[in-house]
Amino acid sequence: MRTVTIDLVPLDSQNFTAFAELLGGTEFGGCYCAVWTHFGQDWGDRCADTDRPNCEATRDDVERGRAAGFLVRIDGEFSAWTGSGPKREFPLLRERLGARCSEWWDDQTWCIGCVAIAQPARGCGRLEQIVHAVMDRAKSLGAKRIEAYPTDPWDEPRSYRGPLSLYARLGFREQARESDGTADIVLMSAEL
């Protein structure tokens, strides 16, 4: 198998245009990673709005210094995004199914909220490589644990959360689960 280089590049005002272009296609549903910070009753309308209010909400957060996540450079090209980082940067996790069951809300806990991979870069284990890169980054910055919130059973509309089987294979352990009526949202964590 060919060696692939995966680089995590923190989202900032200098690379925000690349983020907006990457997540601007129809395959990513208009979220722009605002689901963890700006979710509300008008969520569906905001995702469908061609004025991209979720993109602007994330831009505002980035300009205020909130760490929204990482652009993922695969072999030199921005080909994916991960809404990952210190858990305190994702305030709505306290209200979200599964995540709200966590006992850790300190600066040493990171989360993987989502991974969005552009169609041409999918396959060949990229998701696992990105999760590994996030885990390595978290550990290098002093995190002691990391969480993820997959669904069980796997759910296509929420595939951005990653499959439970991937996290289990990488040493994450189930901590809690809550049903949303369709699937369980599973709180999984790993020590770093």
C-alpha atoms as a PDB file:
ATOM      1  CA  MET A   1       0.000   0.000   0.000  1.00  0.00           C
ATOM      2  CA  ARG A   2       1.249   3.475  -0.907  1.00  0.00           C
ATOM      3  CA  THR A   3       2.210   5.721   2.026  1.00  0.00           C
ATOM      4  CA  VAL A   4      -0.092   8.710   2.369  1.00  0.00           C
ATOM      5  CA  THR A   5       0.744  11.911   4.222  1.00  0.00           C
ATOM      6  CA  ILE A   6      -2.013  13.228   6.501  1.00  0.00           C
ATOM      7  CA  ASP A   7      -1.588  16.717   7.979  1.00  0.00           C
ATOM      8  CA  LEU A   8      -4.010  18.431  10.339  1.00  0.00           C
ATOM      9  CA  VAL A   9      -4.110  22.178   9.731  1.00  0.00           C
ATOM     10  CA  PRO A  10      -5.957  24.239  12.377  1.00  0.00           C
ATOM     11  CA  LEU A  11      -8.769  26.283  10.873  1.00  0.00           C
ATOM     12  CA  ASP A  12      -8.007  29.992  10.949  1.00  0.00           C
ATOM     13  CA  SER A  13      -8.894  33.129   9.033  1.00  0.00           C
ATOM     14  CA  GLN A  14      -6.029  32.512   6.574  1.00  0.00           C
ATOM     15  CA  ASN A  15      -7.358  29.150   5.367  1.00  0.00           C
ATOM     16  CA  PHE A  16     -11.081  29.740   5.896  1.00  0.00           C
ATOM     17  CA  THR A  17     -11.730  30.045   2.150  1.00  0.00           C
ATOM     18  CA  ALA A  18     -10.388  26.502   1.647  1.00  0.00           C
ATOM     19  CA  PHE A  19     -12.716  25.286   4.424  1.00  0.00           C
ATOM     20  CA  ALA A  20     -15.728  27.041   2.873  1.00  0.00           C
ATOM     21  CA  GLU A  21     -14.940  25.597  -0.560  1.00  0.00           C
ATOM     22  CA  LEU A  22     -14.344  22.076   0.746  1.00  0.00           C
ATOM     23  CA  LEU A  23     -17.576  21.949   2.758  1.00  0.00           C
ATOM     24  CA  GLY A  24     -19.564  24.016   0.258  1.00  0.00           C
ATOM     25  CA  GLY A  25     -20.535  21.129  -1.988  1.00  0.00           C
ATOM     26  CA  THR A  26     -23.839  19.297  -1.742  1.00  0.00           C
ATOM     27  CA  GLU A  27     -22.196  16.193  -0.263  1.00  0.00           C
ATOM     28  CA  PHE A  28     -21.732  17.894   3.134  1.00  0.00           C
ATOM     29  CA  GLY A  29     -25.234  19.243   3.725  1.00  0.00           C
ATOM     30  CA  GLY A  30     -24.570  22.866   4.687  1.00  0.00           C
ATOM     31  CA  CYS A  31     -23.423  22.186   8.239  1.00  0.00           C
ATOM     32  CA  TYR A  32     -20.004  23.879   8.130  1.00  0.00           C
ATOM     33  CA  CYS A  33     -19.362  22.306  11.539  1.00  0.00           C
ATOM     34  CA  ALA A  34     -21.799  24.680  13.248  1.00  0.00           C
ATOM     35  CA  VAL A  35     -23.836  21.770  14.641  1.00  0.00           C
ATOM     36  CA  TRP A  36     -21.700  21.662  17.808  1.00  0.00           C
ATOM     37  CA  THR A  37     -21.860  25.421  18.423  1.00  0.00           C
ATOM     38  CA  HIS A  38     -24.963  26.924  16.799  1.00  0.00           C
ATOM     39  CA  PHE A  39     -27.578  24.164  16.562  1.00  0.00           C
ATOM     40  CA  GLY A  40     -31.177  25.299  17.058  1.00  0.00           C
ATOM     41  CA  GLN A  41     -34.750  24.768  15.936  1.00  0.00           C
ATOM     42  CA  ASP A  42     -33.994  26.449  12.618  1.00  0.00           C
ATOM     43  CA  TRP A  43     -31.139  24.025  11.866  1.00  0.00           C
ATOM     44  CA  GLY A  44     -32.664  22.411   8.775  1.00  0.00           C
ATOM     45  CA  ASP A  45     -33.501  25.786   7.252  1.00  0.00           C
ATOM     46  CA  ARG A  46     -29.995  27.105   7.936  1.00  0.00           C
ATOM     47  CA  CYS A  47     -28.386  24.054   6.308  1.00  0.00           C
ATOM     48  CA  ALA A  48     -30.502  24.551   3.179  1.00  0.00           C
ATOM     49  CA  ASP A  49     -30.047  28.336   3.011  1.00  0.00           C
ATOM     50  CA  THR A  50     -27.937  29.307  -0.021  1.00  0.00           C
ATOM     51  CA  ASP A  51     -26.610  32.324   1.914  1.00  0.00           C
ATOM     52  CA  ARG A  52     -24.705  29.766   4.065  1.00  0.00           C
ATOM     53  CA  PRO A  53     -25.475  31.101   7.563  1.00  0.00           C
ATOM     54  CA  ASN A  54     -23.723  28.125   9.169  1.00  0.00           C
ATOM     55  CA  CYS A  55     -20.553  28.964   7.263  1.00  0.00           C
ATOM     56  CA  GLU A  56     -20.773  32.545   8.487  1.00  0.00           C
ATOM     57  CA  ALA A  57     -21.403  31.391  12.080  1.00  0.00           C
ATOM     58  CA  THR A  58     -18.249  29.274  11.939  1.00  0.00           C
ATOM     59  CA  ARG A  59     -16.329  32.163  10.339  1.00  0.00           C
ATOM     60  CA  ASP A  60     -17.409  34.417  13.228  1.00  0.00           C
ATOM     61  CA  ASP A  61     -16.297  31.798  15.749  1.00  0.00           C
ATOM     62  CA  VAL A  62     -12.897  31.440  14.079  1.00  0.00           C
ATOM     63  CA  GLU A  63     -12.415  35.214  13.995  1.00  0.00           C
ATOM     64  CA  ARG A  64     -13.172  35.290  17.742  1.00  0.00           C
ATOM     65  CA  GLY A  65     -10.517  32.636  18.323  1.00  0.00           C
ATOM     66  CA  ARG A  66     -12.667  29.529  18.848  1.00  0.00           C
ATOM     67  CA  ALA A  67     -10.912  26.388  17.603  1.00  0.00           C
ATOM     68  CA  ALA A  68     -13.459  24.821  15.256  1.00  0.00           C
ATOM     69  CA  GLY A  69     -11.299  21.926  14.054  1.00  0.00           C
ATOM     70  CA  PHE A  70      -8.823  21.007  11.356  1.00  0.00           C
ATOM     71  CA  LEU A  71      -8.616  21.006   7.613  1.00  0.00           C
ATOM     72  CA  VAL A  72      -7.043  17.709   6.603  1.00  0.00           C
ATOM     73  CA  ARG A  73      -4.379  17.787   3.949  1.00  0.00           C
ATOM     74  CA  ILE A  74      -3.990  14.414   2.247  1.00  0.00           C
ATOM     75  CA  ASP A  75      -0.859  14.249   0.113  1.00  0.00           C
ATOM     76  CA  GLY A  76      -0.678  18.036   0.011  1.00  0.00           C
ATOM     77  CA  GLU A  77      -4.334  18.814  -0.837  1.00  0.00           C
ATOM     78  CA  PHE A  78      -7.155  19.852   1.490  1.00  0.00           C
ATOM     79  CA  SER A  79      -9.400  16.830   1.058  1.00  0.00           C
ATOM     80  CA  ALA A  80     -11.162  16.456   4.406  1.00  0.00           C
ATOM     81  CA  TRP A  81     -12.311  18.246   7.519  1.00  0.00           C
ATOM     82  CA  THR A  82     -12.578  17.158  11.124  1.00  0.00           C
ATOM     83  CA  GLY A  83     -14.539  19.015  13.768  1.00  0.00           C
ATOM     84  CA  SER A  84     -12.160  17.894  16.487  1.00  0.00           C
ATOM     85  CA  GLY A  85     -10.312  19.548  19.299  1.00  0.00           C
ATOM     86  CA  PRO A  86     -10.518  20.448  22.966  1.00  0.00           C
ATOM     87  CA  LYS A  87     -14.006  19.542  24.142  1.00  0.00           C
ATOM     88  CA  ARG A  88     -14.569  22.977  25.682  1.00  0.00           C
ATOM     89  CA  GLU A  89     -14.622  24.404  22.121  1.00  0.00           C
ATOM     90  CA  PHE A  90     -17.823  22.443  21.376  1.00  0.00           C
ATOM     91  CA  PRO A  91     -20.278  23.842  23.962  1.00  0.00           C
ATOM     92  CA  LEU A  92     -23.439  22.159  22.655  1.00  0.00           C
ATOM     93  CA  LEU A  93     -22.007  18.721  23.453  1.00  0.00           C
ATOM     94  CA  ARG A  94     -23.368  19.297  26.984  1.00  0.00           C
ATOM     95  CA  GLU A  95     -26.861  19.087  25.501  1.00  0.00           C
ATOM     96  CA  ARG A  96     -26.409  16.428  22.810  1.00  0.00           C
ATOM     97  CA  LEU A  97     -27.456  12.810  23.241  1.00  0.00           C
ATOM     98  CA  GLY A  98     -24.589  10.538  24.219  1.00  0.00           C
ATOM     99  CA  ALA A  99     -22.097  13.348  24.706  1.00  0.00           C
ATOM    100  CA  ARG A 100     -24.039  14.815  27.634  1.00  0.00           C
ATOM    101  CA  CYS A 101     -23.434  11.570  29.564  1.00  0.00           C
ATOM    102  CA  SER A 102     -19.705  12.278  29.752  1.00  0.00           C
ATOM    103  CA  GLU A 103     -18.123  12.842  33.134  1.00  0.00           C
ATOM    104  CA  TRP A 104     -15.196  14.758  31.556  1.00  0.00           C
ATOM    105  CA  TRP A 105     -15.525  18.458  30.773  1.00  0.00           C
ATOM    106  CA  ASP A 106     -11.969  19.514  31.505  1.00  0.00           C
ATOM    107  CA  ASP A 107      -9.148  20.911  29.383  1.00  0.00           C
ATOM    108  CA  GLN A 108      -7.522  17.481  29.088  1.00  0.00           C
ATOM    109  CA  THR A 109     -10.424  16.008  27.115  1.00  0.00           C
ATOM    110  CA  TRP A 110     -10.672  16.254  23.332  1.00  0.00           C
ATOM    111  CA  CYS A 111     -13.518  15.180  21.082  1.00  0.00           C
ATOM    112  CA  ILE A 112     -14.028  14.013  17.533  1.00  0.00           C
ATOM    113  CA  GLY A 113     -17.350  15.492  16.519  1.00  0.00           C
ATOM    114  CA  CYS A 114     -17.116  14.760  12.824  1.00  0.00           C
ATOM    115  CA  VAL A 115     -14.917  13.772   9.919  1.00  0.00           C
ATOM    116  CA  ALA A 116     -15.981  14.842   6.422  1.00  0.00           C
ATOM    117  CA  ILE A 117     -13.951  13.420   3.549  1.00  0.00           C
ATOM    118  CA  ALA A 118     -14.357  14.671  -0.014  1.00  0.00           C
ATOM    119  CA  GLN A 119     -15.542  11.989  -2.424  1.00  0.00           C
ATOM    120  CA  PRO A 120     -12.269  11.637  -4.387  1.00  0.00           C
ATOM    121  CA  ALA A 121     -10.326  10.933  -1.164  1.00  0.00           C
ATOM    122  CA  ARG A 122     -12.709   8.360   0.304  1.00  0.00           C
ATOM    123  CA  GLY A 123     -11.725   4.769   0.735  1.00  0.00           C
ATOM    124  CA  CYS A 124      -8.348   3.243   1.455  1.00  0.00           C
ATOM    125  CA  GLY A 125      -8.621   3.772   5.230  1.00  0.00           C
ATOM    126  CA  ARG A 126      -8.487   7.578   5.223  1.00  0.00           C
ATOM    127  CA  LEU A 127     -10.987   7.866   8.096  1.00  0.00           C
ATOM    128  CA  GLU A 128      -8.855   5.702  10.359  1.00  0.00           C
ATOM    129  CA  GLN A 129      -5.742   7.672   9.407  1.00  0.00           C
ATOM    130  CA  ILE A 130      -7.466  10.957  10.230  1.00  0.00           C
ATOM    131  CA  VAL A 131      -8.714   9.687  13.599  1.00  0.00           C
ATOM    132  CA  HIS A 132      -5.157   8.512  14.389  1.00  0.00           C
ATOM    133  CA  ALA A 133      -3.822  11.955  13.451  1.00  0.00           C
ATOM    134  CA  VAL A 134      -6.356  13.659  15.748  1.00  0.00           C
ATOM    135  CA  MET A 135      -5.446  11.310  18.603  1.00  0.00           C
ATOM    136  CA  ASP A 136      -1.741  12.024  18.076  1.00  0.00           C
ATOM    137  CA  ARG A 137      -2.345  15.792  17.979  1.00  0.00           C
ATOM    138  CA  ALA A 138      -4.465  15.673  21.135  1.00  0.00           C
ATOM    139  CA  LYS A 139      -1.836  13.694  23.008  1.00  0.00           C
ATOM    140  CA  SER A 140       0.974  15.991  21.853  1.00  0.00           C
ATOM    141  CA  LEU A 141      -0.974  18.971  23.219  1.00  0.00           C
ATOM    142  CA  GLY A 142      -1.482  17.410  26.641  1.00  0.00           C
ATOM    143  CA  ALA A 143      -4.880  15.748  26.339  1.00  0.00           C
ATOM    144  CA  LYS A 144      -5.387  12.674  28.522  1.00  0.00           C
ATOM    145  CA  ARG A 145      -8.483  11.311  26.792  1.00  0.00           C
ATOM    146  CA  ILE A 146     -10.559  11.675  23.652  1.00  0.00           C
ATOM    147  CA  GLU A 147     -14.234  11.061  22.938  1.00  0.00           C
ATOM    148  CA  ALA A 148     -16.344  10.250  19.880  1.00  0.00           C
ATOM    149  CA  TYR A 149     -20.120   9.938  19.385  1.00  0.00           C
ATOM    150  CA  PRO A 150     -21.002   7.346  16.703  1.00  0.00           C
ATOM    151  CA  THR A 151     -24.445   5.879  16.140  1.00  0.00           C
ATOM    152  CA  ASP A 152     -25.504   2.251  16.629  1.00  0.00           C
ATOM    153  CA  PRO A 153     -26.617   1.010  14.235  1.00  0.00           C
ATOM    154  CA  TRP A 154     -24.551   3.007  11.766  1.00  0.00           C
ATOM    155  CA  ASP A 155     -26.703   5.738  10.265  1.00  0.00           C
ATOM    156  CA  GLU A 156     -25.986   7.150   6.779  1.00  0.00           C
ATOM    157  CA  PRO A 157     -27.217  10.706   7.487  1.00  0.00           C
ATOM    158  CA  ARG A 158     -24.862  10.833  10.463  1.00  0.00           C
ATOM    159  CA  SER A 159     -21.990   8.941   8.879  1.00  0.00           C
ATOM    160  CA  TYR A 160     -19.785  11.984   9.564  1.00  0.00           C
ATOM    161  CA  ARG A 161     -19.545  10.717  13.161  1.00  0.00           C
ATOM    162  CA  GLY A 162     -17.683   7.602  12.002  1.00  0.00           C
ATOM    163  CA  PRO A 163     -18.655   3.995  12.713  1.00  0.00           C
ATOM    164  CA  LEU A 164     -18.661   2.518  16.200  1.00  0.00           C
ATOM    165  CA  SER A 165     -16.554  -0.392  14.911  1.00  0.00           C
ATOM    166  CA  LEU A 166     -13.725   1.959  13.887  1.00  0.00           C
ATOM    167  CA  TYR A 167     -13.530   3.554  17.323  1.00  0.00           C
ATOM    168  CA  ALA A 168     -13.695   0.149  19.049  1.00  0.00           C
ATOM    169  CA  ARG A 169     -10.826  -1.091  16.853  1.00  0.00           C
ATOM    170  CA  LEU A 170      -8.778   1.985  17.858  1.00  0.00           C
ATOM    171  CA  GLY A 171      -9.197   1.310  21.583  1.00  0.00           C
ATOM    172  CA  PHE A 172     -12.206   3.485  22.360  1.00  0.00           C
ATOM    173  CA  ARG A 173     -14.546   2.001  24.963  1.00  0.00           C
ATOM    174  CA  GLU A 174     -18.257   2.522  25.245  1.00  0.00           C
ATOM    175  CA  GLN A 175     -19.147   4.758  28.213  1.00  0.00           C
ATOM    176  CA  ALA A 176     -22.871   5.377  27.661  1.00  0.00           C
ATOM    177  CA  ARG A 177     -25.597   5.392  25.034  1.00  0.00           C
ATOM    178  CA  GLU A 178     -28.876   7.196  24.553  1.00  0.00           C
ATOM    179  CA  SER A 179     -31.595   6.490  22.020  1.00  0.00           C
ATOM    180  CA  ASP A 180     -32.974   9.156  19.722  1.00  0.00           C
ATOM    181  CA  GLY A 181     -35.801   6.836  18.678  1.00  0.00           C
ATOM    182  CA  THR A 182     -33.994   5.676  15.539  1.00  0.00           C
ATOM    183  CA  ALA A 183     -30.506   4.788  16.733  1.00  0.00           C
ATOM    184  CA  ASP A 184     -28.381   4.940  19.853  1.00  0.00           C
ATOM    185  CA  ILE A 185     -25.890   7.757  20.137  1.00  0.00           C
ATOM    186  CA  VAL A 186     -22.880   6.148  21.792  1.00  0.00           C
ATOM    187  CA  LEU A 187     -20.382   7.969  23.988  1.00  0.00           C
ATOM    188  CA  MET A 188     -16.995   6.336  23.397  1.00  0.00           C
ATOM    189  CA  SER A 189     -13.689   7.375  24.908  1.00  0.00           C
ATOM    190  CA  ALA A 190     -10.040   6.385  24.822  1.00  0.00           C
ATOM    191  CA  GLU A 191      -7.137   7.204  27.098  1.00  0.00           C
ATOM    192  CA  LEU A 192      -4.233   8.866  25.350  1.00  0.00           C
END
